[in-house]
PDB file of N, CA and C in Angstrom:
ATOM      1  N   MET A   1       6.275  14.831  15.328  1.00  0.00           N
ATOM      2  CA  MET A   1       6.808  14.769  14.004  1.00  0.00           C
ATOM      3  C   MET A   1       6.924  16.166  13.435  1.00  0.00           C
ATOM      4  N   SER A   2       8.033  16.468  12.791  1.00  0.00           N
ATOM      5  CA  SER A   2       8.229  17.816  12.260  1.00  0.00           C
ATOM      6  C   SER A   2       7.687  17.905  10.835  1.00  0.00           C
ATOM      7  N   ASN A   3       7.473  19.115  10.389  1.00  0.00           N
ATOM      8  CA  ASN A   3       6.977  19.341   9.040  1.00  0.00           C
ATOM      9  C   ASN A   3       8.071  19.239   7.992  1.00  0.00           C
ATOM     10  N   ASN A   4       9.322  19.348   8.410  1.00  0.00           N
ATOM     11  CA  ASN A   4      10.445  19.285   7.489  1.00  0.00           C
ATOM     12  C   ASN A   4      10.712  17.819   7.138  1.00  0.00           C
ATOM     13  N   SER A   5      10.527  17.440   5.860  1.00  0.00           N
ATOM     14  CA  SER A   5      10.670  16.042   5.467  1.00  0.00           C
ATOM     15  C   SER A   5      12.129  15.606   5.379  1.00  0.00           C
ATOM     16  N   SER A   6      13.073  16.549   5.371  1.00  0.00           N
ATOM     17  CA  SER A   6      14.479  16.178   5.268  1.00  0.00           C
ATOM     18  C   SER A   6      15.093  15.805   6.615  1.00  0.00           C
ATOM     19  N   VAL A   7      14.370  16.030   7.700  1.00  0.00           N
ATOM     20  CA  VAL A   7      14.881  15.703   9.019  1.00  0.00           C
ATOM     21  C   VAL A   7      14.533  14.261   9.338  1.00  0.00           C
ATOM     22  N   ILE A   8      15.547  13.492   9.708  1.00  0.00           N
ATOM     23  CA  ILE A   8      15.336  12.098  10.062  1.00  0.00           C
ATOM     24  C   ILE A   8      15.281  12.000  11.576  1.00  0.00           C
ATOM     25  N   GLU A   9      14.183  11.484  12.066  1.00  0.00           N
ATOM     26  CA  GLU A   9      14.051  11.310  13.504  1.00  0.00           C
ATOM     27  C   GLU A   9      14.543   9.925  13.874  1.00  0.00           C
ATOM     28  N   MET A  10      15.272   9.857  14.957  1.00  0.00           N
ATOM     29  CA  MET A  10      15.775   8.566  15.422  1.00  0.00           C
ATOM     30  C   MET A  10      15.700   8.531  16.934  1.00  0.00           C
ATOM     31  N   PRO A  11      15.661   7.339  17.474  1.00  0.00           N
ATOM     32  CA  PRO A  11      15.585   7.239  18.930  1.00  0.00           C
ATOM     33  C   PRO A  11      16.847   7.805  19.600  1.00  0.00           C
ATOM     34  N   VAL A  12      16.663   8.347  20.771  1.00  0.00           N
ATOM     35  CA  VAL A  12      17.794   8.901  21.525  1.00  0.00           C
ATOM     36  C   VAL A  12      18.781   7.799  21.884  1.00  0.00           C
ATOM     37  N   SER A  13      18.284   6.569  22.004  1.00  0.00           N
ATOM     38  CA  SER A  13      19.144   5.452  22.392  1.00  0.00           C
ATOM     39  C   SER A  13      19.932   4.867  21.220  1.00  0.00           C
ATOM     40  N   PHE A  14      19.785   5.432  20.013  1.00  0.00           N
ATOM     41  CA  PHE A  14      20.522   4.936  18.855  1.00  0.00           C
ATOM     42  C   PHE A  14      22.016   5.053  19.124  1.00  0.00           C
ATOM     43  N   ARG A  15      22.724   3.950  18.960  1.00  0.00           N
ATOM     44  CA  ARG A  15      24.127   3.852  19.369  1.00  0.00           C
ATOM     45  C   ARG A  15      25.030   4.873  18.675  1.00  0.00           C
ATOM     46  N   TYR A  16      24.835   5.099  17.391  1.00  0.00           N
ATOM     47  CA  TYR A  16      25.717   5.989  16.623  1.00  0.00           C
ATOM     48  C   TYR A  16      25.025   7.293  16.267  1.00  0.00           C
ATOM     49  N   ARG A  17      24.117   7.730  17.104  1.00  0.00           N
ATOM     50  CA  ARG A  17      23.332   8.938  16.830  1.00  0.00           C
ATOM     51  C   ARG A  17      24.228  10.164  16.651  1.00  0.00           C
ATOM     52  N   ASP A  18      25.189  10.359  17.546  1.00  0.00           N
ATOM     53  CA  ASP A  18      26.051  11.539  17.462  1.00  0.00           C
ATOM     54  C   ASP A  18      26.913  11.535  16.198  1.00  0.00           C
ATOM     55  N   VAL A  19      27.372  10.357  15.784  1.00  0.00           N
ATOM     56  CA  VAL A  19      28.169  10.254  14.563  1.00  0.00           C
ATOM     57  C   VAL A  19      27.297  10.567  13.351  1.00  0.00           C
ATOM     58  N   PHE A  20      26.068  10.037  13.343  1.00  0.00           N
ATOM     59  CA  PHE A  20      25.152  10.280  12.227  1.00  0.00           C
ATOM     60  C   PHE A  20      24.797  11.757  12.113  1.00  0.00           C
ATOM     61  N   LEU A  21      24.566  12.395  13.235  1.00  0.00           N
ATOM     62  CA  LEU A  21      24.154  13.794  13.220  1.00  0.00           C
ATOM     63  C   LEU A  21      25.274  14.737  12.782  1.00  0.00           C
ATOM     64  N   LYS A  22      26.520  14.293  12.863  1.00  0.00           N
ATOM     65  CA  LYS A  22      27.633  15.111  12.374  1.00  0.00           C
ATOM     66  C   LYS A  22      27.558  15.290  10.866  1.00  0.00           C
ATOM     67  N   GLY A  23      27.024  14.322  10.165  1.00  0.00           N
ATOM     68  CA  GLY A  23      26.890  14.415   8.711  1.00  0.00           C
ATOM     69  C   GLY A  23      28.157  14.024   7.985  1.00  0.00           C
ATOM     70  N   LYS A  24      28.111  14.209   6.685  1.00  0.00           N
ATOM     71  CA  LYS A  24      29.245  13.866   5.832  1.00  0.00           C
ATOM     72  C   LYS A  24      30.347  14.900   6.013  1.00  0.00           C
ATOM     73  N   PRO A  25      31.590  14.459   6.148  1.00  0.00           N
ATOM     74  CA  PRO A  25      32.682  15.424   6.304  1.00  0.00           C
ATOM     75  C   PRO A  25      32.871  16.248   5.037  1.00  0.00           C
ATOM     76  N   LYS A  26      33.186  17.516   5.213  1.00  0.00           N
ATOM     77  CA  LYS A  26      33.422  18.418   4.094  1.00  0.00           C
ATOM     78  C   LYS A  26      34.880  18.828   4.103  1.00  0.00           C
ATOM     79  N   HIS A  27      35.521  18.637   2.952  1.00  0.00           N
ATOM     80  CA  HIS A  27      36.931  18.956   2.834  1.00  0.00           C
ATOM     81  C   HIS A  27      37.133  20.016   1.764  1.00  0.00           C
ATOM     82  N   ASP A  28      38.106  20.861   1.994  1.00  0.00           N
ATOM     83  CA  ASP A  28      38.522  21.828   1.001  1.00  0.00           C
ATOM     84  C   ASP A  28      39.357  21.084  -0.045  1.00  0.00           C
ATOM     85  N   LYS A  29      39.287  21.479  -1.299  1.00  0.00           N
ATOM     86  CA  LYS A  29      40.013  20.782  -2.360  1.00  0.00           C
ATOM     87  C   LYS A  29      41.524  20.868  -2.189  1.00  0.00           C
ATOM     88  N   THR A  30      41.974  21.813  -1.378  1.00  0.00           N
ATOM     89  CA  THR A  30      43.418  21.985  -1.224  1.00  0.00           C
ATOM     90  C   THR A  30      43.944  21.441   0.102  1.00  0.00           C
ATOM     91  N   ASP A  31      43.090  20.850   0.936  1.00  0.00           N
ATOM     92  CA  ASP A  31      43.605  20.323   2.200  1.00  0.00           C
ATOM     93  C   ASP A  31      44.320  18.996   1.960  1.00  0.00           C
ATOM     94  N   SER A  32      45.088  18.550   2.942  1.00  0.00           N
ATOM     95  CA  SER A  32      45.939  17.371   2.770  1.00  0.00           C
ATOM     96  C   SER A  32      45.126  16.104   2.504  1.00  0.00           C
ATOM     97  N   PHE A  33      43.940  15.982   3.096  1.00  0.00           N
ATOM     98  CA  PHE A  33      43.128  14.787   2.881  1.00  0.00           C
ATOM     99  C   PHE A  33      42.668  14.707   1.423  1.00  0.00           C
ATOM    100  N   SER A  34      42.168  15.818   0.887  1.00  0.00           N
ATOM    101  CA  SER A  34      41.665  15.814  -0.487  1.00  0.00           C
ATOM    102  C   SER A  34      42.777  15.616  -1.505  1.00  0.00           C
ATOM    103  N   ILE A  35      43.954  16.096  -1.193  1.00  0.00           N
ATOM    104  CA  ILE A  35      45.082  15.891  -2.097  1.00  0.00           C
ATOM    105  C   ILE A  35      45.508  14.431  -2.087  1.00  0.00           C
ATOM    106  N   LYS A  36      45.506  13.831  -0.911  1.00  0.00           N
ATOM    107  CA  LYS A  36      45.906  12.438  -0.785  1.00  0.00           C
ATOM    108  C   LYS A  36      44.820  11.487  -1.294  1.00  0.00           C
ATOM    109  N   HIS A  37      43.552  11.854  -1.133  1.00  0.00           N
ATOM    110  CA  HIS A  37      42.418  11.005  -1.515  1.00  0.00           C
ATOM    111  C   HIS A  37      41.464  11.798  -2.415  1.00  0.00           C
ATOM    112  N   PRO A  38      41.805  11.994  -3.683  1.00  0.00           N
ATOM    113  CA  PRO A  38      40.921  12.775  -4.561  1.00  0.00           C
ATOM    114  C   PRO A  38      39.611  12.038  -4.821  1.00  0.00           C
ATOM    115  N   ALA A  39      38.560  12.790  -5.092  1.00  0.00           N
ATOM    116  CA  ALA A  39      37.249  12.200  -5.379  1.00  0.00           C
ATOM    117  C   ALA A  39      37.309  11.460  -6.706  1.00  0.00           C
ATOM    118  N   MET A  40      36.642  10.301  -6.752  1.00  0.00           N
ATOM    119  CA  MET A  40      36.609   9.504  -7.972  1.00  0.00           C
ATOM    120  C   MET A  40      35.490  10.021  -8.871  1.00  0.00           C
ATOM    121  N   ASP A  41      35.783  10.165 -10.158  1.00  0.00           N
ATOM    122  CA  ASP A  41      34.736  10.623 -11.075  1.00  0.00           C
ATOM    123  C   ASP A  41      33.700   9.518 -11.275  1.00  0.00           C
ATOM    124  N   LEU A  42      32.473   9.914 -11.632  1.00  0.00           N
ATOM    125  CA  LEU A  42      31.364   8.970 -11.714  1.00  0.00           C
ATOM    126  C   LEU A  42      31.564   7.920 -12.794  1.00  0.00           C
ATOM    127  N   GLY A  43      32.219   8.264 -13.879  1.00  0.00           N
ATOM    128  CA  GLY A  43      32.470   7.296 -14.940  1.00  0.00           C
ATOM    129  C   GLY A  43      33.344   6.146 -14.468  1.00  0.00           C
ATOM    130  N   ARG A  44      34.390   6.475 -13.740  1.00  0.00           N
ATOM    131  CA  ARG A  44      35.284   5.428 -13.219  1.00  0.00           C
ATOM    132  C   ARG A  44      34.586   4.609 -12.146  1.00  0.00           C
ATOM    133  N   ARG A  45      33.820   5.264 -11.306  1.00  0.00           N
ATOM    134  CA  ARG A  45      33.098   4.555 -10.247  1.00  0.00           C
ATOM    135  C   ARG A  45      32.079   3.583 -10.851  1.00  0.00           C
ATOM    136  N   ALA A  46      31.374   4.017 -11.897  1.00  0.00           N
ATOM    137  CA  ALA A  46      30.400   3.147 -12.559  1.00  0.00           C
ATOM    138  C   ALA A  46      31.098   1.949 -13.192  1.00  0.00           C
ATOM    139  N   LYS A  47      32.287   2.180 -13.734  1.00  0.00           N
ATOM    140  CA  LYS A  47      33.038   1.094 -14.362  1.00  0.00           C
ATOM    141  C   LYS A  47      33.437   0.033 -13.340  1.00  0.00           C
ATOM    142  N   ILE A  48      33.738   0.441 -12.127  1.00  0.00           N
ATOM    143  CA  ILE A  48      34.122  -0.504 -11.090  1.00  0.00           C
ATOM    144  C   ILE A  48      32.956  -1.409 -10.721  1.00  0.00           C
ATOM    145  N   PHE A  49      31.752  -0.831 -10.601  1.00  0.00           N
ATOM    146  CA  PHE A  49      30.614  -1.595 -10.130  1.00  0.00           C
ATOM    147  C   PHE A  49      29.803  -2.235 -11.254  1.00  0.00           C
ATOM    148  N   SER A  50      30.088  -1.945 -12.513  1.00  0.00           N
ATOM    149  CA  SER A  50      29.296  -2.498 -13.609  1.00  0.00           C
ATOM    150  C   SER A  50      29.390  -4.014 -13.728  1.00  0.00           C
ATOM    151  N   PRO A  51      30.521  -4.667 -13.453  1.00  0.00           N
ATOM    152  CA  PRO A  51      30.558  -6.128 -13.593  1.00  0.00           C
ATOM    153  C   PRO A  51      29.741  -6.857 -12.524  1.00  0.00           C
ATOM    154  N   PHE A  52      29.330  -6.148 -11.493  1.00  0.00           N
ATOM    155  CA  PHE A  52      28.574  -6.783 -10.419  1.00  0.00           C
ATOM    156  C   PHE A  52      27.201  -7.182 -10.928  1.00  0.00           C
ATOM    157  N   ASP A  53      26.892  -8.470 -10.846  1.00  0.00           N
ATOM    158  CA  ASP A  53      25.601  -8.989 -11.289  1.00  0.00           C
ATOM    159  C   ASP A  53      25.005  -9.768 -10.130  1.00  0.00           C
ATOM    160  N   ALA A  54      24.078  -9.139  -9.425  1.00  0.00           N
ATOM    161  CA  ALA A  54      23.503  -9.760  -8.230  1.00  0.00           C
ATOM    162  C   ALA A  54      22.709 -11.016  -8.567  1.00  0.00           C
ATOM    163  N   LEU A  55      22.056 -11.035  -9.702  1.00  0.00           N
ATOM    164  CA  LEU A  55      21.242 -12.176 -10.108  1.00  0.00           C
ATOM    165  C   LEU A  55      21.879 -12.806 -11.340  1.00  0.00           C
ATOM    166  N   LYS A  56      22.755 -13.768 -11.120  1.00  0.00           N
ATOM    167  CA  LYS A  56      23.464 -14.416 -12.222  1.00  0.00           C
ATOM    168  C   LYS A  56      22.467 -15.062 -13.180  1.00  0.00           C
ATOM    169  N   GLY A  57      22.588 -14.767 -14.454  1.00  0.00           N
ATOM    170  CA  GLY A  57      21.747 -15.364 -15.481  1.00  0.00           C
ATOM    171  C   GLY A  57      20.395 -14.698 -15.665  1.00  0.00           C
ATOM    172  N   PHE A  58      20.078 -13.702 -14.859  1.00  0.00           N
ATOM    173  CA  PHE A  58      18.761 -13.061 -14.944  1.00  0.00           C
ATOM    174  C   PHE A  58      18.577 -12.354 -16.279  1.00  0.00           C
ATOM    175  N   ASN A  59      19.600 -11.655 -16.734  1.00  0.00           N
ATOM    176  CA  ASN A  59      19.501 -10.947 -18.016  1.00  0.00           C
ATOM    177  C   ASN A  59      19.318 -11.925 -19.173  1.00  0.00           C
ATOM    178  N   ASP A  60      19.964 -13.094 -19.111  1.00  0.00           N
ATOM    179  CA  ASP A  60      19.789 -14.101 -20.158  1.00  0.00           C
ATOM    180  C   ASP A  60      18.355 -14.621 -20.179  1.00  0.00           C
ATOM    181  N   GLU A  61      17.800 -14.868 -19.011  1.00  0.00           N
ATOM    182  CA  GLU A  61      16.413 -15.340 -18.935  1.00  0.00           C
ATOM    183  C   GLU A  61      15.435 -14.282 -19.445  1.00  0.00           C
ATOM    184  N   LEU A  62      15.691 -13.027 -19.145  1.00  0.00           N
ATOM    185  CA  LEU A  62      14.843 -11.958 -19.675  1.00  0.00           C
ATOM    186  C   LEU A  62      14.902 -11.913 -21.199  1.00  0.00           C
ATOM    187  N   ALA A  63      16.083 -12.073 -21.752  1.00  0.00           N
ATOM    188  CA  ALA A  63      16.236 -12.055 -23.205  1.00  0.00           C
ATOM    189  C   ALA A  63      15.488 -13.228 -23.840  1.00  0.00           C
ATOM    190  N   LYS A  64      15.569 -14.415 -23.226  1.00  0.00           N
ATOM    191  CA  LYS A  64      14.851 -15.584 -23.735  1.00  0.00           C
ATOM    192  C   LYS A  64      13.348 -15.355 -23.698  1.00  0.00           C
ATOM    193  N   SER A  65      12.864 -14.841 -22.576  1.00  0.00           N
ATOM    194  CA  SER A  65      11.433 -14.581 -22.413  1.00  0.00           C
ATOM    195  C   SER A  65      10.952 -13.543 -23.428  1.00  0.00           C
ATOM    196  N   GLU A  66      11.745 -12.500 -23.641  1.00  0.00           N
ATOM    197  CA  GLU A  66      11.379 -11.472 -24.605  1.00  0.00           C
ATOM    198  C   GLU A  66      11.318 -12.051 -26.013  1.00  0.00           C
ATOM    199  N   GLN A  67      12.276 -12.902 -26.347  1.00  0.00           N
ATOM    200  CA  GLN A  67      12.300 -13.510 -27.677  1.00  0.00           C
ATOM    201  C   GLN A  67      11.094 -14.425 -27.866  1.00  0.00           C
ATOM    202  N   LEU A  68      10.730 -15.204 -26.834  1.00  0.00           N
ATOM    203  CA  LEU A  68       9.553 -16.077 -26.918  1.00  0.00           C
ATOM    204  C   LEU A  68       8.286 -15.262 -27.126  1.00  0.00           C
ATOM    205  N   ASN A  69       8.148 -14.169 -26.412  1.00  0.00           N
ATOM    206  CA  ASN A  69       6.976 -13.313 -26.571  1.00  0.00           C
ATOM    207  C   ASN A  69       6.918 -12.691 -27.962  1.00  0.00           C
ATOM    208  N   GLU A  70       8.046 -12.235 -28.456  1.00  0.00           N
ATOM    209  CA  GLU A  70       8.069 -11.653 -29.800  1.00  0.00           C
ATOM    210  C   GLU A  70       7.698 -12.698 -30.844  1.00  0.00           C
ATOM    211  N   ASP A  71       8.241 -13.906 -30.705  1.00  0.00           N
ATOM    212  CA  ASP A  71       7.923 -14.974 -31.645  1.00  0.00           C
ATOM    213  C   ASP A  71       6.444 -15.334 -31.576  1.00  0.00           C
ATOM    214  N   ASN A  72       5.903 -15.402 -30.372  1.00  0.00           N
ATOM    215  CA  ASN A  72       4.505 -15.767 -30.180  1.00  0.00           C
ATOM    216  C   ASN A  72       3.582 -14.735 -30.829  1.00  0.00           C
ATOM    217  N   PHE A  73       3.834 -13.467 -30.612  1.00  0.00           N
ATOM    218  CA  PHE A  73       2.971 -12.425 -31.149  1.00  0.00           C
ATOM    219  C   PHE A  73       3.217 -12.188 -32.633  1.00  0.00           C
ATOM    220  N   ALA A  74       4.392 -12.521 -33.122  1.00  0.00           N
ATOM    221  CA  ALA A  74       4.678 -12.349 -34.550  1.00  0.00           C
ATOM    222  C   ALA A  74       3.950 -13.405 -35.380  1.00  0.00           C
ATOM    223  N   ASP A  75       3.721 -14.596 -34.822  1.00  0.00           N
ATOM    224  CA  ASP A  75       3.117 -15.696 -35.564  1.00  0.00           C
ATOM    225  C   ASP A  75       1.608 -15.812 -35.366  1.00  0.00           C
ATOM    226  N   ASN A  76       0.978 -14.879 -34.684  1.00  0.00           N
ATOM    227  CA  ASN A  76      -0.437 -15.033 -34.373  1.00  0.00           C
ATOM    228  C   ASN A  76      -1.366 -14.544 -35.483  1.00  0.00           C
ATOM    229  N   GLY A  77      -0.840 -13.975 -36.546  1.00  0.00           N
ATOM    230  CA  GLY A  77      -1.665 -13.559 -37.671  1.00  0.00           C
ATOM    231  C   GLY A  77      -2.287 -12.188 -37.523  1.00  0.00           C
ATOM    232  N   TYR A  78      -2.077 -11.532 -36.412  1.00  0.00           N
ATOM    233  CA  TYR A  78      -2.630 -10.195 -36.229  1.00  0.00           C
ATOM    234  C   TYR A  78      -1.804  -9.184 -36.996  1.00  0.00           C
ATOM    235  N   GLU A  79      -2.483  -8.161 -37.451  1.00  0.00           N
ATOM    236  CA  GLU A  79      -1.789  -7.080 -38.127  1.00  0.00           C
ATOM    237  C   GLU A  79      -1.575  -5.941 -37.133  1.00  0.00           C
ATOM    238  N   ASP A  80      -0.562  -5.154 -37.387  1.00  0.00           N
ATOM    239  CA  ASP A  80      -0.320  -3.989 -36.535  1.00  0.00           C
ATOM    240  C   ASP A  80      -1.479  -3.013 -36.683  1.00  0.00           C
ATOM    241  N   ILE A  81      -1.874  -2.407 -35.612  1.00  0.00           N
ATOM    242  CA  ILE A  81      -2.937  -1.412 -35.656  1.00  0.00           C
ATOM    243  C   ILE A  81      -2.336  -0.026 -35.447  1.00  0.00           C
ATOM    244  N   GLU A  82      -3.024   0.955 -35.981  1.00  0.00           N
ATOM    245  CA  GLU A  82      -2.548   2.321 -35.788  1.00  0.00           C
ATOM    246  C   GLU A  82      -2.931   2.779 -34.392  1.00  0.00           C
ATOM    247  N   GLU A  83      -2.101   3.605 -33.837  1.00  0.00           N
ATOM    248  CA  GLU A  83      -2.391   4.148 -32.518  1.00  0.00           C
ATOM    249  C   GLU A  83      -3.550   5.104 -32.613  1.00  0.00           C
ATOM    250  N   TYR A  84      -4.328   5.208 -31.569  1.00  0.00           N
ATOM    251  CA  TYR A  84      -5.454   6.117 -31.533  1.00  0.00           C
ATOM    252  C   TYR A  84      -4.923   7.543 -31.528  1.00  0.00           C
ATOM    253  N   PRO A  85      -5.428   8.395 -32.429  1.00  0.00           N
ATOM    254  CA  PRO A  85      -4.878   9.757 -32.517  1.00  0.00           C
ATOM    255  C   PRO A  85      -5.113  10.589 -31.294  1.00  0.00           C
TER     256      PRO A  85
END
C-alpha cells in the first residue's frame, strides 16, 4: 500500500484498468470537440437533476413528522430556557 491517498489501487486483472488509468480527457477550449460540446454550467446542470426525487413522498412525510413534533413540544407547558453562556 502506498502512502499517497490519492492513488487508487486495483487488481491487474481489472477489465478496464487501462481505460481508467488514462483519466479524464482534457480538451483545449478552442479545439473542435469543445466547440461542438461546450461544458454545461452548474446552474443548468442542477436544474436538470432537481426534479429527480428518489424517495417519492419522503419530503412530505418529513414535513408531517416535523409538524407533529413542533405541536407536541409546543403544547407541553414547558417554557423556553436560555442557552448556557
